[in-house]
Amino acid sequence: MNLGSILLIFITIMVPNVKMGYSQRGSYEMIEGVKMYKILPADGIPALDDPIFKTVPEAEKFMNDDELVLGLVINGDARAYSTWHLDRHEIVNDYVGGVHVSVTW
């Protein structure tokens, strides 16, 4: 696998001194003096495991020409992950070109 085939960027933000709290609106964390409320519990958005893909002619029937996708090619095996679907799941666990991958949005 060469670097031209895959570009993955991972950003980790370490936030020291995060304080937890509770209010009538639910639980929150204080981050840099701002209340950040939890909207969903942990694992509240399910990952897609073993996704089913459409062929290009099938996808053209319901996808817009300007629809955003995340593209991935590994060992000649290509995938396009619709950001519209990723908005609802955030993580896709897949097997592409002989490699297990997690695609996140």
PDB file of N, CA and C in Angstrom:
ATOM      1  N   MET A   1       0.859  -1.172   0.000  1.00  0.00           N
ATOM      2  CA  MET A   1       0.000   0.000   0.000  1.00  0.00           C
ATOM      3  C   MET A   1       0.899   1.227   0.000  1.00  0.00           C
ATOM      4  N   ASN A   2       0.653   2.153  -0.923  1.00  0.00           N
ATOM      5  CA  ASN A   2       1.474   3.357  -0.943  1.00  0.00           C
ATOM      6  C   ASN A   2       0.683   4.536  -0.396  1.00  0.00           C
ATOM      7  N   LEU A   3       1.385   5.589  -0.042  1.00  0.00           N
ATOM      8  CA  LEU A   3       0.729   6.753   0.561  1.00  0.00           C
ATOM      9  C   LEU A   3      -0.193   7.462  -0.406  1.00  0.00           C
ATOM     10  N   GLY A   4       0.021   7.310  -1.704  1.00  0.00           N
ATOM     11  CA  GLY A   4      -0.868   7.924  -2.678  1.00  0.00           C
ATOM     12  C   GLY A   4      -2.244   7.283  -2.693  1.00  0.00           C
ATOM     13  N   SER A   5      -2.353   6.058  -2.192  1.00  0.00           N
ATOM     14  CA  SER A   5      -3.630   5.353  -2.183  1.00  0.00           C
ATOM     15  C   SER A   5      -4.534   5.796  -1.044  1.00  0.00           C
ATOM     16  N   ILE A   6      -3.951   6.148   0.082  1.00  0.00           N
ATOM     17  CA  ILE A   6      -4.751   6.439   1.267  1.00  0.00           C
ATOM     18  C   ILE A   6      -4.222   7.693   1.940  1.00  0.00           C
ATOM     19  N   LEU A   7      -5.130   8.540   2.317  1.00  0.00           N
ATOM     20  CA  LEU A   7      -4.775   9.692   3.125  1.00  0.00           C
ATOM     21  C   LEU A   7      -5.736   9.723   4.294  1.00  0.00           C
ATOM     22  N   LEU A   8      -5.249   9.413   5.448  1.00  0.00           N
ATOM     23  CA  LEU A   8      -6.058   9.426   6.661  1.00  0.00           C
ATOM     24  C   LEU A   8      -5.486  10.458   7.605  1.00  0.00           C
ATOM     25  N   ILE A   9      -6.339  11.297   8.139  1.00  0.00           N
ATOM     26  CA  ILE A   9      -5.902  12.318   9.075  1.00  0.00           C
ATOM     27  C   ILE A   9      -6.641  12.095  10.379  1.00  0.00           C
ATOM     28  N   PHE A  10      -5.894  11.927  11.433  1.00  0.00           N
ATOM     29  CA  PHE A  10      -6.476  11.770  12.748  1.00  0.00           C
ATOM     30  C   PHE A  10      -6.081  12.974  13.591  1.00  0.00           C
ATOM     31  N   ILE A  11      -7.058  13.601  14.198  1.00  0.00           N
ATOM     32  CA  ILE A  11      -6.804  14.741  15.056  1.00  0.00           C
ATOM     33  C   ILE A  11      -7.323  14.395  16.445  1.00  0.00           C
ATOM     34  N   THR A  12      -6.459  14.503  17.410  1.00  0.00           N
ATOM     35  CA  THR A  12      -6.848  14.265  18.786  1.00  0.00           C
ATOM     36  C   THR A  12      -6.632  15.553  19.562  1.00  0.00           C
ATOM     37  N   ILE A  13      -7.673  15.955  20.257  1.00  0.00           N
ATOM     38  CA  ILE A  13      -7.583  17.165  21.069  1.00  0.00           C
ATOM     39  C   ILE A  13      -7.660  16.743  22.531  1.00  0.00           C
ATOM     40  N   MET A  14      -6.630  17.042  23.262  1.00  0.00           N
ATOM     41  CA  MET A  14      -6.602  16.750  24.689  1.00  0.00           C
ATOM     42  C   MET A  14      -7.056  18.008  25.421  1.00  0.00           C
ATOM     43  N   VAL A  15      -8.087  17.856  26.213  1.00  0.00           N
ATOM     44  CA  VAL A  15      -8.627  18.996  26.940  1.00  0.00           C
ATOM     45  C   VAL A  15      -8.418  18.735  28.441  1.00  0.00           C
ATOM     46  N   PRO A  16      -7.477  19.445  29.054  1.00  0.00           N
ATOM     47  CA  PRO A  16      -7.240  19.240  30.480  1.00  0.00           C
ATOM     48  C   PRO A  16      -8.321  19.927  31.316  1.00  0.00           C
ATOM     49  N   ASN A  17      -8.505  19.446  32.499  1.00  0.00           N
ATOM     50  CA  ASN A  17      -9.407  20.060  33.474  1.00  0.00           C
ATOM     51  C   ASN A  17     -10.842  20.197  32.978  1.00  0.00           C
ATOM     52  N   VAL A  18     -11.370  19.140  32.373  1.00  0.00           N
ATOM     53  CA  VAL A  18     -12.768  19.142  31.962  1.00  0.00           C
ATOM     54  C   VAL A  18     -13.606  18.838  33.197  1.00  0.00           C
ATOM     55  N   LYS A  19     -14.615  19.655  33.435  1.00  0.00           N
ATOM     56  CA  LYS A  19     -15.478  19.477  34.601  1.00  0.00           C
ATOM     57  C   LYS A  19     -16.848  19.031  34.144  1.00  0.00           C
ATOM     58  N   MET A  20     -17.388  17.992  34.803  1.00  0.00           N
ATOM     59  CA  MET A  20     -18.711  17.478  34.488  1.00  0.00           C
ATOM     60  C   MET A  20     -19.738  18.175  35.369  1.00  0.00           C
ATOM     61  N   GLY A  21     -20.947  18.332  34.862  1.00  0.00           N
ATOM     62  CA  GLY A  21     -22.016  18.938  35.641  1.00  0.00           C
ATOM     63  C   GLY A  21     -23.368  18.483  35.145  1.00  0.00           C
ATOM     64  N   TYR A  22     -24.414  18.846  35.870  1.00  0.00           N
ATOM     65  CA  TYR A  22     -25.776  18.471  35.513  1.00  0.00           C
ATOM     66  C   TYR A  22     -26.678  19.674  35.691  1.00  0.00           C
ATOM     67  N   SER A  23     -27.687  19.793  34.825  1.00  0.00           N
ATOM     68  CA  SER A  23     -28.663  20.867  34.949  1.00  0.00           C
ATOM     69  C   SER A  23     -30.003  20.322  34.474  1.00  0.00           C
ATOM     70  N   GLN A  24     -31.011  21.174  34.432  1.00  0.00           N
ATOM     71  CA  GLN A  24     -32.326  20.747  33.960  1.00  0.00           C
ATOM     72  C   GLN A  24     -32.278  20.339  32.486  1.00  0.00           C
ATOM     73  N   ARG A  25     -31.302  20.835  31.756  1.00  0.00           N
ATOM     74  CA  ARG A  25     -31.171  20.489  30.341  1.00  0.00           C
ATOM     75  C   ARG A  25     -30.397  19.192  30.130  1.00  0.00           C
ATOM     76  N   GLY A  26     -29.863  18.598  31.161  1.00  0.00           N
ATOM     77  CA  GLY A  26     -29.110  17.364  31.036  1.00  0.00           C
ATOM     78  C   GLY A  26     -27.674  17.544  31.484  1.00  0.00           C
ATOM     79  N   SER A  27     -26.862  16.513  31.234  1.00  0.00           N
ATOM     80  CA  SER A  27     -25.473  16.566  31.666  1.00  0.00           C
ATOM     81  C   SER A  27     -24.659  17.412  30.701  1.00  0.00           C
ATOM     82  N   TYR A  28     -23.596  17.991  31.212  1.00  0.00           N
ATOM     83  CA  TYR A  28     -22.729  18.817  30.377  1.00  0.00           C
ATOM     84  C   TYR A  28     -21.314  18.740  30.900  1.00  0.00           C
ATOM     85  N   GLU A  29     -20.391  19.174  30.057  1.00  0.00           N
ATOM     86  CA  GLU A  29     -18.989  19.315  30.432  1.00  0.00           C
ATOM     87  C   GLU A  29     -18.628  20.780  30.276  1.00  0.00           C
ATOM     88  N   MET A  30     -17.799  21.284  31.163  1.00  0.00           N
ATOM     89  CA  MET A  30     -17.276  22.646  31.026  1.00  0.00           C
ATOM     90  C   MET A  30     -15.953  22.543  30.272  1.00  0.00           C
ATOM     91  N   ILE A  31     -15.913  23.107  29.100  1.00  0.00           N
ATOM     92  CA  ILE A  31     -14.705  23.106  28.288  1.00  0.00           C
ATOM     93  C   ILE A  31     -14.363  24.555  27.984  1.00  0.00           C
ATOM     94  N   GLU A  32     -13.222  24.989  28.510  1.00  0.00           N
ATOM     95  CA  GLU A  32     -12.763  26.367  28.351  1.00  0.00           C
ATOM     96  C   GLU A  32     -13.851  27.370  28.735  1.00  0.00           C
ATOM     97  N   GLY A  33     -14.554  27.072  29.831  1.00  0.00           N
ATOM     98  CA  GLY A  33     -15.557  27.982  30.370  1.00  0.00           C
ATOM     99  C   GLY A  33     -16.907  27.947  29.674  1.00  0.00           C
ATOM    100  N   VAL A  34     -17.095  27.020  28.736  1.00  0.00           N
ATOM    101  CA  VAL A  34     -18.362  26.926  28.009  1.00  0.00           C
ATOM    102  C   VAL A  34     -19.015  25.586  28.325  1.00  0.00           C
ATOM    103  N   LYS A  35     -20.349  25.608  28.617  1.00  0.00           N
ATOM    104  CA  LYS A  35     -21.074  24.367  28.860  1.00  0.00           C
ATOM    105  C   LYS A  35     -21.334  23.657  27.532  1.00  0.00           C
ATOM    106  N   MET A  36     -20.878  22.426  27.448  1.00  0.00           N
ATOM    107  CA  MET A  36     -21.107  21.593  26.270  1.00  0.00           C
ATOM    108  C   MET A  36     -22.058  20.473  26.695  1.00  0.00           C
ATOM    109  N   TYR A  37     -23.336  20.560  26.261  1.00  0.00           N
ATOM    110  CA  TYR A  37     -24.354  19.595  26.653  1.00  0.00           C
ATOM    111  C   TYR A  37     -24.258  18.321  25.830  1.00  0.00           C
ATOM    112  N   LYS A  38     -24.519  17.195  26.496  1.00  0.00           N
ATOM    113  CA  LYS A  38     -24.585  15.911  25.816  1.00  0.00           C
ATOM    114  C   LYS A  38     -25.985  15.769  25.218  1.00  0.00           C
ATOM    115  N   ILE A  39     -26.036  15.510  23.923  1.00  0.00           N
ATOM    116  CA  ILE A  39     -27.318  15.335  23.265  1.00  0.00           C
ATOM    117  C   ILE A  39     -27.649  13.858  23.140  1.00  0.00           C
ATOM    118  N   LEU A  40     -26.640  13.060  22.856  1.00  0.00           N
ATOM    119  CA  LEU A  40     -26.824  11.622  22.710  1.00  0.00           C
ATOM    120  C   LEU A  40     -25.932  10.891  23.693  1.00  0.00           C
ATOM    121  N   PRO A  41     -26.374   9.726  24.143  1.00  0.00           N
ATOM    122  CA  PRO A  41     -25.499   8.922  25.006  1.00  0.00           C
ATOM    123  C   PRO A  41     -24.360   8.324  24.194  1.00  0.00           C
ATOM    124  N   ALA A  42     -23.371   7.791  24.879  1.00  0.00           N
ATOM    125  CA  ALA A  42     -22.275   7.108  24.195  1.00  0.00           C
ATOM    126  C   ALA A  42     -22.862   6.020  23.302  1.00  0.00           C
ATOM    127  N   ASP A  43     -22.323   5.874  22.113  1.00  0.00           N
ATOM    128  CA  ASP A  43     -22.799   4.903  21.121  1.00  0.00           C
ATOM    129  C   ASP A  43     -24.250   5.143  20.706  1.00  0.00           C
ATOM    130  N   GLY A  44     -24.706   6.389  20.796  1.00  0.00           N
ATOM    131  CA  GLY A  44     -26.077   6.737  20.425  1.00  0.00           C
ATOM    132  C   GLY A  44     -26.312   6.731  18.927  1.00  0.00           C
ATOM    133  N   ILE A  45     -25.248   6.796  18.132  1.00  0.00           N
ATOM    134  CA  ILE A  45     -25.363   6.724  16.679  1.00  0.00           C
ATOM    135  C   ILE A  45     -24.661   5.441  16.245  1.00  0.00           C
ATOM    136  N   PRO A  46     -25.417   4.472  15.729  1.00  0.00           N
ATOM    137  CA  PRO A  46     -24.803   3.175  15.412  1.00  0.00           C
ATOM    138  C   PRO A  46     -23.889   3.243  14.195  1.00  0.00           C
ATOM    139  N   ALA A  47     -22.801   2.509  14.259  1.00  0.00           N
ATOM    140  CA  ALA A  47     -21.894   2.380  13.117  1.00  0.00           C
ATOM    141  C   ALA A  47     -22.535   1.464  12.083  1.00  0.00           C
ATOM    142  N   LEU A  48     -22.138   1.634  10.829  1.00  0.00           N
ATOM    143  CA  LEU A  48     -22.551   0.704   9.775  1.00  0.00           C
ATOM    144  C   LEU A  48     -21.478  -0.364   9.646  1.00  0.00           C
ATOM    145  N   ASP A  49     -21.864  -1.601   9.843  1.00  0.00           N
ATOM    146  CA  ASP A  49     -20.960  -2.733   9.661  1.00  0.00           C
ATOM    147  C   ASP A  49     -21.383  -3.471   8.390  1.00  0.00           C
ATOM    148  N   ASP A  50     -20.437  -3.913   7.617  1.00  0.00           N
ATOM    149  CA  ASP A  50     -20.713  -4.626   6.368  1.00  0.00           C
ATOM    150  C   ASP A  50     -21.672  -3.843   5.473  1.00  0.00           C
ATOM    151  N   PRO A  51     -21.282  -2.638   5.047  1.00  0.00           N
ATOM    152  CA  PRO A  51     -22.181  -1.811   4.228  1.00  0.00           C
ATOM    153  C   PRO A  51     -22.461  -2.457   2.870  1.00  0.00           C
ATOM    154  N   ILE A  52     -23.624  -2.119   2.330  1.00  0.00           N
ATOM    155  CA  ILE A  52     -24.014  -2.585   1.001  1.00  0.00           C
ATOM    156  C   ILE A  52     -23.865  -1.405   0.045  1.00  0.00           C
ATOM    157  N   PHE A  53     -23.174  -1.620  -1.065  1.00  0.00           N
ATOM    158  CA  PHE A  53     -22.912  -0.553  -2.024  1.00  0.00           C
ATOM    159  C   PHE A  53     -23.759  -0.749  -3.274  1.00  0.00           C
ATOM    160  N   LYS A  54     -24.064   0.360  -3.921  1.00  0.00           N
ATOM    161  CA  LYS A  54     -24.799   0.358  -5.178  1.00  0.00           C
ATOM    162  C   LYS A  54     -23.800   0.496  -6.328  1.00  0.00           C
ATOM    163  N   THR A  55     -24.184  -0.009  -7.481  1.00  0.00           N
ATOM    164  CA  THR A  55     -23.371   0.216  -8.670  1.00  0.00           C
ATOM    165  C   THR A  55     -23.557   1.672  -9.090  1.00  0.00           C
ATOM    166  N   VAL A  56     -22.680   2.162  -9.960  1.00  0.00           N
ATOM    167  CA  VAL A  56     -22.803   3.549 -10.424  1.00  0.00           C
ATOM    168  C   VAL A  56     -24.162   3.795 -11.081  1.00  0.00           C
ATOM    169  N   PRO A  57     -24.643   2.933 -11.998  1.00  0.00           N
ATOM    170  CA  PRO A  57     -25.964   3.188 -12.586  1.00  0.00           C
ATOM    171  C   PRO A  57     -27.090   3.210 -11.545  1.00  0.00           C
ATOM    172  N   GLU A  58     -27.005   2.354 -10.531  1.00  0.00           N
ATOM    173  CA  GLU A  58     -28.023   2.360  -9.469  1.00  0.00           C
ATOM    174  C   GLU A  58     -27.948   3.643  -8.653  1.00  0.00           C
ATOM    175  N   ALA A  59     -26.727   4.057  -8.296  1.00  0.00           N
ATOM    176  CA  ALA A  59     -26.548   5.259  -7.471  1.00  0.00           C
ATOM    177  C   ALA A  59     -26.967   6.517  -8.217  1.00  0.00           C
ATOM    178  N   GLU A  60     -26.786   6.550  -9.534  1.00  0.00           N
ATOM    179  CA  GLU A  60     -27.174   7.722 -10.318  1.00  0.00           C
ATOM    180  C   GLU A  60     -28.672   7.995 -10.259  1.00  0.00           C
ATOM    181  N   LYS A  61     -29.465   6.990  -9.918  1.00  0.00           N
ATOM    182  CA  LYS A  61     -30.922   7.149  -9.845  1.00  0.00           C
ATOM    183  C   LYS A  61     -31.361   7.982  -8.638  1.00  0.00           C
ATOM    184  N   PHE A  62     -30.539   8.001  -7.559  1.00  0.00           N
ATOM    185  CA  PHE A  62     -30.975   8.719  -6.352  1.00  0.00           C
ATOM    186  C   PHE A  62     -29.942   9.706  -5.805  1.00  0.00           C
ATOM    187  N   MET A  63     -28.726   9.686  -6.326  1.00  0.00           N
ATOM    188  CA  MET A  63     -27.706  10.626  -5.855  1.00  0.00           C
ATOM    189  C   MET A  63     -27.610  11.822  -6.792  1.00  0.00           C
ATOM    190  N   ASN A  64     -27.363  12.993  -6.235  1.00  0.00           N
ATOM    191  CA  ASN A  64     -27.145  14.198  -7.026  1.00  0.00           C
ATOM    192  C   ASN A  64     -25.719  14.216  -7.572  1.00  0.00           C
ATOM    193  N   ASP A  65     -25.525  14.876  -8.705  1.00  0.00           N
ATOM    194  CA  ASP A  65     -24.189  14.973  -9.296  1.00  0.00           C
ATOM    195  C   ASP A  65     -23.199  15.691  -8.392  1.00  0.00           C
ATOM    196  N   ASP A  66     -23.690  16.614  -7.557  1.00  0.00           N
ATOM    197  CA  ASP A  66     -22.804  17.386  -6.684  1.00  0.00           C
ATOM    198  C   ASP A  66     -22.800  16.872  -5.238  1.00  0.00           C
ATOM    199  N   GLU A  67     -23.329  15.672  -5.024  1.00  0.00           N
ATOM    200  CA  GLU A  67     -23.356  15.109  -3.666  1.00  0.00           C
ATOM    201  C   GLU A  67     -21.948  14.784  -3.192  1.00  0.00           C
ATOM    202  N   LEU A  68     -21.645  15.161  -1.962  1.00  0.00           N
ATOM    203  CA  LEU A  68     -20.315  14.909  -1.401  1.00  0.00           C
ATOM    204  C   LEU A  68     -20.167  13.450  -0.997  1.00  0.00           C
ATOM    205  N   VAL A  69     -19.003  12.901  -1.300  1.00  0.00           N
ATOM    206  CA  VAL A  69     -18.660  11.547  -0.873  1.00  0.00           C
ATOM    207  C   VAL A  69     -17.226  11.551  -0.366  1.00  0.00           C
ATOM    208  N   LEU A  70     -16.915  10.599   0.465  1.00  0.00           N
ATOM    209  CA  LEU A  70     -15.521  10.332   0.843  1.00  0.00           C
ATOM    210  C   LEU A  70     -15.076   9.161  -0.009  1.00  0.00           C
ATOM    211  N   GLY A  71     -14.022   9.352  -0.761  1.00  0.00           N
ATOM    212  CA  GLY A  71     -13.528   8.297  -1.633  1.00  0.00           C
ATOM    213  C   GLY A  71     -12.341   7.578  -1.027  1.00  0.00           C
ATOM    214  N   LEU A  72     -12.265   6.291  -1.281  1.00  0.00           N
ATOM    215  CA  LEU A  72     -11.167   5.479  -0.746  1.00  0.00           C
ATOM    216  C   LEU A  72     -10.812   4.418  -1.787  1.00  0.00           C
ATOM    217  N   VAL A  73      -9.525   4.296  -2.087  1.00  0.00           N
ATOM    218  CA  VAL A  73      -9.040   3.260  -2.990  1.00  0.00           C
ATOM    219  C   VAL A  73      -7.873   2.561  -2.303  1.00  0.00           C
ATOM    220  N   ILE A  74      -7.990   1.255  -2.153  1.00  0.00           N
ATOM    221  CA  ILE A  74      -6.908   0.450  -1.578  1.00  0.00           C
ATOM    222  C   ILE A  74      -6.710  -0.759  -2.474  1.00  0.00           C
ATOM    223  N   ASN A  75      -5.487  -0.925  -2.963  1.00  0.00           N
ATOM    224  CA  ASN A  75      -5.144  -2.063  -3.824  1.00  0.00           C
ATOM    225  C   ASN A  75      -6.119  -2.195  -4.993  1.00  0.00           C
ATOM    226  N   GLY A  76      -6.517  -1.079  -5.584  1.00  0.00           N
ATOM    227  CA  GLY A  76      -7.399  -1.088  -6.739  1.00  0.00           C
ATOM    228  C   GLY A  76      -8.879  -1.258  -6.419  1.00  0.00           C
ATOM    229  N   ASP A  77      -9.232  -1.444  -5.153  1.00  0.00           N
ATOM    230  CA  ASP A  77     -10.627  -1.586  -4.732  1.00  0.00           C
ATOM    231  C   ASP A  77     -11.122  -0.200  -4.302  1.00  0.00           C
ATOM    232  N   ALA A  78     -12.132   0.319  -4.994  1.00  0.00           N
ATOM    233  CA  ALA A  78     -12.605   1.687  -4.758  1.00  0.00           C
ATOM    234  C   ALA A  78     -13.956   1.696  -4.074  1.00  0.00           C
ATOM    235  N   ARG A  79     -14.134   2.684  -3.183  1.00  0.00           N
ATOM    236  CA  ARG A  79     -15.405   2.897  -2.497  1.00  0.00           C
ATOM    237  C   ARG A  79     -15.698   4.388  -2.469  1.00  0.00           C
ATOM    238  N   ALA A  80     -16.991   4.714  -2.462  1.00  0.00           N
ATOM    239  CA  ALA A  80     -17.449   6.091  -2.262  1.00  0.00           C
ATOM    240  C   ALA A  80     -18.487   6.047  -1.149  1.00  0.00           C
ATOM    241  N   TYR A  81     -18.216   6.781  -0.077  1.00  0.00           N
ATOM    242  CA  TYR A  81     -19.101   6.811   1.088  1.00  0.00           C
ATOM    243  C   TYR A  81     -19.846   8.141   1.080  1.00  0.00           C
ATOM    244  N   SER A  82     -21.150   8.095   0.936  1.00  0.00           N
ATOM    245  CA  SER A  82     -21.973   9.294   0.892  1.00  0.00           C
ATOM    246  C   SER A  82     -21.947  10.009   2.239  1.00  0.00           C
ATOM    247  N   THR A  83     -21.626  11.296   2.223  1.00  0.00           N
ATOM    248  CA  THR A  83     -21.633  12.040   3.494  1.00  0.00           C
ATOM    249  C   THR A  83     -23.050  12.167   4.031  1.00  0.00           C
ATOM    250  N   TRP A  84     -24.052  12.097   3.144  1.00  0.00           N
ATOM    251  CA  TRP A  84     -25.452  12.120   3.592  1.00  0.00           C
ATOM    252  C   TRP A  84     -25.722  10.919   4.501  1.00  0.00           C
ATOM    253  N   HIS A  85     -25.241   9.745   4.111  1.00  0.00           N
ATOM    254  CA  HIS A  85     -25.407   8.557   4.961  1.00  0.00           C
ATOM    255  C   HIS A  85     -24.515   8.642   6.193  1.00  0.00           C
ATOM    256  N   LEU A  86     -23.304   9.159   6.016  1.00  0.00           N
ATOM    257  CA  LEU A  86     -22.392   9.269   7.156  1.00  0.00           C
ATOM    258  C   LEU A  86     -22.915  10.258   8.195  1.00  0.00           C
ATOM    259  N   ASP A  87     -23.714  11.252   7.799  1.00  0.00           N
ATOM    260  CA  ASP A  87     -24.328  12.164   8.766  1.00  0.00           C
ATOM    261  C   ASP A  87     -25.202  11.397   9.752  1.00  0.00           C
ATOM    262  N   ARG A  88     -25.750  10.289   9.326  1.00  0.00           N
ATOM    263  CA  ARG A  88     -26.670   9.520  10.156  1.00  0.00           C
ATOM    264  C   ARG A  88     -25.996   8.383  10.912  1.00  0.00           C
ATOM    265  N   HIS A  89     -24.784   8.038  10.536  1.00  0.00           N
ATOM    266  CA  HIS A  89     -24.096   6.922  11.188  1.00  0.00           C
ATOM    267  C   HIS A  89     -22.702   7.280  11.681  1.00  0.00           C
ATOM    268  N   GLU A  90     -22.025   8.186  11.047  1.00  0.00           N
ATOM    269  CA  GLU A  90     -20.712   8.709  11.423  1.00  0.00           C
ATOM    270  C   GLU A  90     -19.555   7.745  11.244  1.00  0.00           C
ATOM    271  N   ILE A  91     -19.791   6.446  11.352  1.00  0.00           N
ATOM    272  CA  ILE A  91     -18.701   5.475  11.200  1.00  0.00           C
ATOM    273  C   ILE A  91     -19.172   4.321  10.325  1.00  0.00           C
ATOM    274  N   VAL A  92     -18.334   3.952   9.366  1.00  0.00           N
ATOM    275  CA  VAL A  92     -18.582   2.761   8.553  1.00  0.00           C
ATOM    276  C   VAL A  92     -17.386   1.840   8.735  1.00  0.00           C
ATOM    277  N   ASN A  93     -17.642   0.617   9.141  1.00  0.00           N
ATOM    278  CA  ASN A  93     -16.598  -0.400   9.240  1.00  0.00           C
ATOM    279  C   ASN A  93     -16.684  -1.239   7.975  1.00  0.00           C
ATOM    280  N   ASP A  94     -15.593  -1.314   7.238  1.00  0.00           N
ATOM    281  CA  ASP A  94     -15.623  -1.941   5.925  1.00  0.00           C
ATOM    282  C   ASP A  94     -14.347  -2.747   5.710  1.00  0.00           C
ATOM    283  N   TYR A  95     -14.318  -3.489   4.628  1.00  0.00           N
ATOM    284  CA  TYR A  95     -13.159  -4.278   4.214  1.00  0.00           C
ATOM    285  C   TYR A  95     -12.883  -3.890   2.766  1.00  0.00           C
ATOM    286  N   VAL A  96     -11.811  -3.158   2.538  1.00  0.00           N
ATOM    287  CA  VAL A  96     -11.513  -2.594   1.217  1.00  0.00           C
ATOM    288  C   VAL A  96     -10.123  -3.040   0.776  1.00  0.00           C
ATOM    289  N   GLY A  97     -10.039  -3.659  -0.375  1.00  0.00           N
ATOM    290  CA  GLY A  97      -8.738  -4.062  -0.920  1.00  0.00           C
ATOM    291  C   GLY A  97      -7.942  -4.955   0.012  1.00  0.00           C
ATOM    292  N   GLY A  98      -8.638  -5.786   0.778  1.00  0.00           N
ATOM    293  CA  GLY A  98      -7.960  -6.697   1.699  1.00  0.00           C
ATOM    294  C   GLY A  98      -7.562  -6.073   3.024  1.00  0.00           C
ATOM    295  N   VAL A  99      -8.075  -4.865   3.308  1.00  0.00           N
ATOM    296  CA  VAL A  99      -7.714  -4.157   4.535  1.00  0.00           C
ATOM    297  C   VAL A  99      -8.997  -3.773   5.294  1.00  0.00           C
ATOM    298  N   HIS A 100      -9.037  -4.021   6.584  1.00  0.00           N
ATOM    299  CA  HIS A 100     -10.149  -3.562   7.417  1.00  0.00           C
ATOM    300  C   HIS A 100      -9.973  -2.067   7.650  1.00  0.00           C
ATOM    301  N   VAL A 101     -11.040  -1.286   7.415  1.00  0.00           N
ATOM    302  CA  VAL A 101     -10.987   0.158   7.604  1.00  0.00           C
ATOM    303  C   VAL A 101     -12.216   0.626   8.370  1.00  0.00           C
ATOM    304  N   SER A 102     -12.055   1.766   9.037  1.00  0.00           N
ATOM    305  CA  SER A 102     -13.172   2.488   9.631  1.00  0.00           C
ATOM    306  C   SER A 102     -13.164   3.868   9.007  1.00  0.00           C
ATOM    307  N   VAL A 103     -14.265   4.211   8.357  1.00  0.00           N
ATOM    308  CA  VAL A 103     -14.414   5.511   7.718  1.00  0.00           C
ATOM    309  C   VAL A 103     -15.261   6.362   8.641  1.00  0.00           C
ATOM    310  N   THR A 104     -14.763   7.541   9.014  1.00  0.00           N
ATOM    311  CA  THR A 104     -15.499   8.392   9.946  1.00  0.00           C
ATOM    312  C   THR A 104     -15.796   9.731   9.309  1.00  0.00           C
ATOM    313  N   TRP A 105     -16.834  10.358   9.808  1.00  0.00           N
ATOM    314  CA  TRP A 105     -17.284  11.652   9.297  1.00  0.00           C
ATOM    315  C   TRP A 105     -17.661  12.507  10.453  1.00  0.00           C
TER     316      TRP A 105
END
